[in-house]
Amino acid sequence: MPKLLEVNGLVTKFYTEAGVVNAVNGISYSLGEGESMAIVGESGSGKSVSVLSIMGLIPTPPGRVDAGEANFNGRNMLALSTNELRDIRGREMAMVFQDPMTSLNPVLTVGRQLTEALKLHLGMDTNQANQRAAEMLDLVGIPNAEDRLSDYPHQFSGGQRQRIMIAMALSCNPSVLIADEPTTALDVTIQAQIVELVKQLQEKLGMAIIWITHDLALVAGLVEKVVVMYAGYIVEQAPVHDLYKKPLHPYTLGLLHSMPKLDEKDQTRLASIAGLPPDLRQTFNHCPFAPRCPYVIDKCREENPPLMPTGPNRTSACWRWEHIREETGFGVNV
């Protein structure tokens, strides 16, 4: 599969009065054409910061991309000017954010907001842009699409607003769609509808997807591979079915154990990961997960493990991944 996006050694830091926050610590991954990938982890693990760095959307100051490359269609996104990035954002690479109410302008009609990118990136006139906007609203399941172009964001439900954001992101036929926890503010039923919508649109339009979430259960039937982040590091990468069947990092194991199970016969308490996420102002000369890890050994406290090959197309940053593979009988069907 041809590589569409290759991220190599990305480092992003925030220089604050309280100290330097090491938000992303040298991560690398790739995304193929039409491929779907999830980046998962707790809040503060660096998921959103990593993609915002690629898109050139890190607030500067205090944030700064200090190292790395993000090659998209042969161009290093991190070396482009603001104007060059603006040409790519929305046209070739688009993003859907968590809360549509903070992303949509409340004083502009939905039609005005949808047509802006079409005029800017595709050079459409007003009639062409309005027609395309109505087609996109219809595509994402907004009834009476043409009539609703003159409505304002507050006249739509939360689920409809998120559909509008997806329509806006896809209006210029981007190669990559980045979905940054787009279902967080929605109830479970609407979440399922949005996930299914994105899945159908990917199959129809053939775009690549990066789905960012803290919820492993959400991406089970949506993506092909998963990148697990912790404390700004990638701690495991694997095809989705392999990851669920046999996680090879204690943090991934903890995330999967904490998922509620509908087929549980006994009413058991949900498992949780002991301890707290680390302070990202520290420099890690040891495994960042060591203080919370049930498999910890002395080496974990002395040396930060690199990502090591653990099988076909998968890696784990754990000194004891072989022990975990042999000992745990954990598995989730997806």
Protein backbone atom coordinates (compact mmCIF):
# COMPACT_ATOMS: atom_id res chain seq x y z
CA MET A 1 0.00 0.00 0.00
CA PRO A 2 1.55 3.37 -1.05
CA LYS A 3 2.46 5.58 1.91
CA LEU A 4 0.39 8.77 2.07
CA LEU A 5 1.68 10.16 5.37
CA GLU A 6 4.94 9.28 7.13
CA VAL A 7 5.70 10.77 10.53
CA ASN A 8 9.29 10.37 11.73
CA GLY A 9 10.70 11.41 15.13
CA LEU A 10 8.04 14.03 15.91
CA VAL A 11 8.86 16.05 19.05
CA THR A 12 6.51 18.75 20.36
CA LYS A 13 7.01 20.71 23.60
CA PHE A 14 5.17 23.46 25.45
CA TYR A 15 7.35 26.09 27.10
CA THR A 16 5.33 27.29 30.09
CA GLU A 17 6.07 29.24 33.26
CA ALA A 18 5.70 25.99 35.22
CA GLY A 19 8.33 24.26 33.07
CA VAL A 20 8.80 22.53 29.71
CA VAL A 21 5.99 20.06 28.97
CA ASN A 22 7.22 17.14 26.84
CA ALA A 23 3.94 16.51 25.03
CA VAL A 24 5.17 14.35 22.12
CA ASN A 25 8.47 12.48 22.41
CA GLY A 26 9.85 11.34 19.07
CA ILE A 27 6.94 9.34 17.65
CA SER A 28 6.91 7.68 14.21
CA TYR A 29 4.14 6.03 12.20
CA SER A 30 2.84 5.81 8.65
CA LEU A 31 -0.56 5.89 6.96
CA GLY A 32 -1.25 4.31 3.58
CA GLU A 33 -3.67 5.51 0.91
CA GLY A 34 -7.22 4.65 1.94
CA GLU A 35 -6.02 3.14 5.22
CA SER A 36 -7.77 3.67 8.56
CA MET A 37 -5.80 4.08 11.78
CA ALA A 38 -6.66 4.91 15.39
CA ILE A 39 -4.48 6.74 17.89
CA VAL A 40 -5.64 5.81 21.40
CA GLY A 41 -4.63 6.69 24.96
CA GLU A 42 -5.64 8.57 28.08
CA SER A 43 -6.17 12.33 28.14
CA GLY A 44 -2.76 14.02 28.04
CA SER A 45 -1.04 11.14 26.23
CA GLY A 46 -0.21 13.33 23.22
CA LYS A 47 -2.79 12.06 20.72
CA SER A 48 -4.30 15.38 19.67
CA VAL A 49 -1.05 17.34 19.99
CA SER A 50 0.65 14.98 17.54
CA VAL A 51 -1.86 15.57 14.74
CA LEU A 52 -2.20 19.29 15.50
CA SER A 53 1.58 19.50 15.12
CA ILE A 54 1.35 17.93 11.67
CA MET A 55 -1.45 20.32 10.66
CA GLY A 56 0.49 23.37 11.88
CA LEU A 57 -2.19 24.18 14.46
CA ILE A 58 -0.08 24.16 17.65
CA PRO A 59 -0.47 27.54 19.43
CA THR A 60 2.95 29.25 19.31
CA PRO A 61 3.89 30.30 21.95
CA PRO A 62 3.87 28.28 24.18
CA GLY A 63 3.94 25.23 21.88
CA ARG A 64 6.73 24.37 19.47
CA VAL A 65 7.58 21.46 17.18
CA ASP A 66 11.25 20.87 18.01
CA ALA A 67 12.13 17.94 15.77
CA GLY A 68 10.87 15.44 13.23
CA GLU A 69 9.29 15.19 9.81
CA ALA A 70 5.73 14.66 8.59
CA ASN A 71 5.95 13.77 4.91
CA PHE A 72 2.58 14.05 3.18
CA ASN A 73 2.52 13.30 -0.54
CA GLY A 74 6.27 13.85 -0.60
CA ARG A 75 6.23 17.21 1.22
CA ASN A 76 7.40 17.77 4.79
CA MET A 77 4.43 19.47 6.47
CA LEU A 78 6.65 20.72 9.31
CA ALA A 79 8.82 22.72 6.89
CA LEU A 80 5.98 24.47 5.01
CA SER A 81 5.00 28.12 5.39
CA THR A 82 1.67 29.20 6.89
CA ASN A 83 0.26 29.91 3.41
CA GLU A 84 1.41 26.54 2.07
CA LEU A 85 -0.19 24.77 5.04
CA ARG A 86 -3.41 26.71 4.52
CA ASP A 87 -3.58 25.39 0.96
CA ILE A 88 -3.31 21.80 2.24
CA ARG A 89 -5.63 22.11 5.27
CA GLY A 90 -9.21 21.53 4.21
CA ARG A 91 -8.21 20.64 0.64
CA GLU A 92 -5.94 17.62 1.01
CA MET A 93 -6.04 16.99 4.76
CA ALA A 94 -9.13 17.81 6.81
CA MET A 95 -9.99 17.61 10.50
CA VAL A 96 -13.16 17.12 12.55
CA PHE A 97 -12.88 18.35 16.14
CA GLN A 98 -14.46 17.22 19.43
CA ASP A 99 -17.16 19.82 19.97
CA PRO A 100 -18.95 21.11 16.86
CA MET A 101 -20.47 24.02 18.80
CA THR A 102 -17.02 25.51 19.37
CA SER A 103 -15.94 24.78 15.78
CA LEU A 104 -18.98 26.24 14.00
CA ASN A 105 -19.40 30.03 14.03
CA PRO A 106 -22.73 30.73 15.78
CA VAL A 107 -23.40 33.99 13.89
CA LEU A 108 -22.90 32.61 10.37
CA THR A 109 -25.30 30.33 8.52
CA VAL A 110 -24.27 26.74 7.94
CA GLY A 111 -24.36 27.41 4.18
CA ARG A 112 -21.91 30.31 4.51
CA GLN A 113 -19.51 28.15 6.52
CA LEU A 114 -19.77 25.18 4.16
CA THR A 115 -19.23 27.21 0.99
CA GLU A 116 -16.21 29.16 2.24
CA ALA A 117 -13.73 26.29 1.72
CA LEU A 118 -15.31 25.36 -1.63
CA LYS A 119 -14.78 28.88 -2.96
CA LEU A 120 -11.26 29.13 -1.50
CA HIS A 121 -9.87 25.71 -2.47
CA LEU A 122 -11.91 24.70 -5.52
CA GLY A 123 -12.63 28.15 -7.01
CA MET A 124 -16.39 27.61 -7.16
CA ASP A 125 -18.83 30.48 -7.61
CA THR A 126 -21.72 30.99 -5.18
CA ASN A 127 -24.23 28.83 -7.07
CA GLN A 128 -21.78 25.96 -7.54
CA ALA A 129 -20.69 26.13 -3.90
CA ASN A 130 -24.29 26.15 -2.63
CA GLN A 131 -25.14 23.15 -4.79
CA ARG A 132 -22.07 21.25 -3.54
CA ALA A 133 -22.84 22.22 0.08
CA ALA A 134 -26.39 20.88 -0.23
CA GLU A 135 -25.05 17.65 -1.76
CA MET A 136 -22.64 17.22 1.17
CA LEU A 137 -25.37 17.81 3.78
CA ASP A 138 -27.52 15.24 2.01
CA LEU A 139 -24.56 12.82 1.92
CA VAL A 140 -24.15 12.99 5.73
CA GLY A 141 -27.88 12.52 6.32
CA ILE A 142 -29.24 16.03 6.97
CA PRO A 143 -32.91 16.11 5.76
CA ASN A 144 -34.07 18.96 3.47
CA ALA A 145 -30.44 19.84 2.89
CA GLU A 146 -30.95 22.69 0.42
CA ASP A 147 -33.46 24.50 2.65
CA ARG A 148 -31.25 24.14 5.73
CA LEU A 149 -28.26 25.98 4.26
CA SER A 150 -29.79 29.22 5.56
CA ASP A 151 -30.11 27.90 9.13
CA TYR A 152 -27.70 28.70 11.98
CA PRO A 153 -25.80 26.11 14.08
CA HIS A 154 -28.12 26.46 17.10
CA GLN A 155 -31.02 25.27 14.94
CA PHE A 156 -29.46 21.80 14.63
CA SER A 157 -29.10 19.03 17.20
CA GLY A 158 -25.67 17.99 18.53
CA GLY A 159 -25.52 14.97 16.25
CA GLN A 160 -26.55 17.05 13.23
CA ARG A 161 -23.88 19.66 14.02
CA GLN A 162 -21.23 16.94 14.04
CA ARG A 163 -22.58 15.68 10.70
CA ILE A 164 -22.23 19.23 9.37
CA MET A 165 -18.60 19.29 10.53
CA ILE A 166 -17.97 16.00 8.71
CA ALA A 167 -19.65 17.41 5.57
CA MET A 168 -17.44 20.49 5.80
CA ALA A 169 -14.29 18.39 6.22
CA LEU A 170 -15.13 16.16 3.24
CA SER A 171 -16.44 18.84 0.89
CA CYS A 172 -13.13 19.25 -0.95
CA ASN A 173 -12.45 15.49 -1.23
CA PRO A 174 -9.38 15.33 1.06
CA SER A 175 -6.97 12.38 0.96
CA VAL A 176 -6.87 12.21 4.78
CA LEU A 177 -9.61 12.81 7.34
CA ILE A 178 -8.47 13.33 10.95
CA ALA A 179 -11.28 12.79 13.47
CA ASP A 180 -10.27 14.10 16.91
CA GLU A 181 -12.68 12.41 19.35
CA PRO A 182 -15.67 13.61 17.30
CA THR A 183 -18.22 11.64 19.35
CA THR A 184 -17.12 12.72 22.86
CA ALA A 185 -19.91 15.26 23.34
CA LEU A 186 -22.64 12.95 21.96
CA ASP A 187 -24.80 10.29 23.56
CA VAL A 188 -24.12 6.60 22.85
CA THR A 189 -26.81 6.19 20.18
CA ILE A 190 -25.61 9.21 18.20
CA GLN A 191 -21.99 8.07 18.68
CA ALA A 192 -22.80 4.80 16.92
CA GLN A 193 -24.51 6.69 14.07
CA ILE A 194 -21.50 8.99 13.56
CA VAL A 195 -19.03 6.07 13.61
CA GLU A 196 -21.15 4.18 11.06
CA LEU A 197 -21.44 7.31 8.91
CA VAL A 198 -17.65 7.80 8.83
CA LYS A 199 -17.17 4.13 7.99
CA GLN A 200 -19.64 4.34 5.09
CA LEU A 201 -18.09 7.56 3.78
CA GLN A 202 -14.61 6.06 3.83
CA GLU A 203 -15.80 3.07 1.81
CA LYS A 204 -17.57 5.38 -0.64
CA LEU A 205 -14.89 8.07 -1.00
CA GLY A 206 -11.72 6.01 -0.44
CA MET A 207 -10.02 8.47 1.91
CA ALA A 208 -7.56 7.57 4.66
CA ILE A 209 -8.65 8.14 8.28
CA ILE A 210 -6.85 8.90 11.53
CA TRP A 211 -9.31 8.45 14.38
CA ILE A 212 -8.21 9.84 17.77
CA THR A 213 -9.93 8.50 20.87
CA HIS A 214 -9.49 7.30 24.45
CA ASP A 215 -12.09 4.58 23.82
CA LEU A 216 -10.66 1.36 22.37
CA ALA A 217 -14.13 -0.16 22.04
CA LEU A 218 -15.17 2.62 19.67
CA VAL A 219 -12.57 1.82 17.00
CA ALA A 220 -12.91 -1.99 17.00
CA GLY A 221 -14.87 -2.18 13.76
CA LEU A 222 -13.70 1.12 12.30
CA VAL A 223 -9.93 0.92 11.72
CA GLU A 224 -7.30 -1.45 10.39
CA LYS A 225 -4.48 -0.65 12.80
CA VAL A 226 -4.04 0.97 16.20
CA VAL A 227 -1.31 3.20 17.66
CA VAL A 228 -1.33 3.32 21.47
CA MET A 229 0.19 6.43 23.11
CA TYR A 230 1.24 7.03 26.69
CA ALA A 231 3.07 10.07 28.12
CA GLY A 232 3.90 11.35 24.64
CA TYR A 233 5.37 8.04 23.47
CA ILE A 234 4.01 5.33 21.19
CA VAL A 235 4.03 2.22 23.38
CA GLU A 236 2.40 -0.24 20.96
CA GLN A 237 1.40 -0.47 17.30
CA ALA A 238 -0.53 -3.38 15.81
CA PRO A 239 -3.29 -4.43 13.40
CA VAL A 240 -6.57 -3.96 15.26
CA HIS A 241 -7.51 -7.65 15.47
CA ASP A 242 -4.04 -8.64 16.72
CA LEU A 243 -4.11 -5.91 19.36
CA TYR A 244 -7.47 -7.01 20.75
CA LYS A 245 -6.59 -10.69 20.62
CA LYS A 246 -3.18 -10.39 22.28
CA PRO A 247 -2.03 -6.97 23.58
CA LEU A 248 1.73 -6.91 24.18
CA HIS A 249 2.11 -3.85 26.38
CA PRO A 250 0.80 -3.59 29.98
CA TYR A 251 -0.84 -0.22 29.26
CA THR A 252 -2.79 -1.61 26.30
CA LEU A 253 -3.75 -4.58 28.46
CA GLY A 254 -5.05 -2.16 31.12
CA LEU A 255 -7.08 -0.20 28.56
CA LEU A 256 -8.70 -3.37 27.24
CA HIS A 257 -9.41 -4.70 30.75
CA SER A 258 -11.21 -1.44 31.60
CA MET A 259 -13.71 -1.82 28.74
CA PRO A 260 -17.23 -2.74 29.94
CA LYS A 261 -18.37 -6.16 28.71
CA LEU A 262 -22.01 -6.71 27.78
CA ASP A 263 -21.74 -10.50 28.03
CA GLU A 264 -20.40 -10.49 31.60
CA LYS A 265 -22.53 -12.97 33.58
CA ASP A 266 -21.32 -11.86 37.01
CA GLN A 267 -21.71 -8.24 38.04
CA THR A 268 -18.02 -7.53 38.50
CA ARG A 269 -16.51 -4.10 39.04
CA LEU A 270 -14.82 -2.42 36.09
CA ALA A 271 -11.04 -2.81 36.19
CA SER A 272 -8.93 0.34 36.35
CA ILE A 273 -5.27 1.18 35.83
CA ALA A 274 -3.64 1.88 39.18
CA GLY A 275 -1.88 5.18 39.84
CA LEU A 276 -1.87 8.44 37.90
CA PRO A 277 -0.45 9.56 34.54
CA PRO A 278 3.08 10.98 34.88
CA ASP A 279 4.10 14.63 35.03
CA LEU A 280 5.16 15.44 31.46
CA ARG A 281 7.61 18.08 32.69
CA GLN A 282 10.02 15.30 33.62
CA THR A 283 12.48 13.64 31.25
CA PHE A 284 12.00 9.88 31.10
CA ASN A 285 15.17 7.85 31.57
CA HIS A 286 12.95 4.92 32.50
CA CYS A 287 9.73 3.39 31.19
CA PRO A 288 7.05 6.07 31.76
CA PHE A 289 4.50 3.39 32.64
CA ALA A 290 6.77 1.67 35.21
CA PRO A 291 5.18 3.26 38.34
CA ARG A 292 1.76 1.87 37.33
CA CYS A 293 2.83 -1.43 35.78
CA PRO A 294 2.07 -4.84 37.33
CA TYR A 295 4.88 -6.43 35.27
CA VAL A 296 7.63 -3.98 36.30
CA ILE A 297 11.22 -5.19 36.83
CA ASP A 298 14.40 -3.29 37.75
CA LYS A 299 15.34 -2.74 34.09
CA CYS A 300 12.04 -0.88 33.54
CA ARG A 301 13.06 1.67 36.20
CA GLU A 302 16.51 2.13 34.71
CA GLU A 303 15.99 2.31 30.94
CA ASN A 304 13.18 3.51 28.67
CA PRO A 305 12.44 0.70 26.19
CA PRO A 306 12.36 1.48 22.45
CA LEU A 307 9.66 0.13 20.17
CA MET A 308 10.66 -3.47 19.45
CA PRO A 309 9.30 -5.77 16.70
CA THR A 310 6.90 -8.29 18.23
CA GLY A 311 5.35 -9.84 15.13
CA PRO A 312 4.17 -9.01 11.60
CA ASN A 313 3.47 -5.25 11.38
CA ARG A 314 3.49 -4.77 15.14
CA THR A 315 5.79 -3.32 17.80
CA SER A 316 5.78 -2.83 21.58
CA ALA A 317 7.86 -0.63 23.90
CA CYS A 318 8.06 -3.13 26.75
CA TRP A 319 11.03 -5.10 28.05
CA ARG A 320 8.68 -7.91 29.04
CA TRP A 321 6.50 -8.21 25.96
CA GLU A 322 7.46 -11.87 25.48
CA HIS A 323 6.51 -12.66 29.08
CA ILE A 324 3.15 -10.88 28.59
CA ARG A 325 2.54 -12.82 25.37
CA GLU A 326 3.16 -16.15 27.10
CA GLU A 327 1.41 -15.43 30.39
CA THR A 328 -1.77 -13.55 29.55
CA GLY A 329 -4.74 -15.35 28.07
CA PHE A 330 -6.56 -12.10 27.48
CA GLY A 331 -8.49 -11.60 24.28
CA VAL A 332 -11.42 -9.60 22.92
CA ASN A 333 -13.36 -10.59 19.82
CA VAL A 334 -13.86 -7.74 17.34
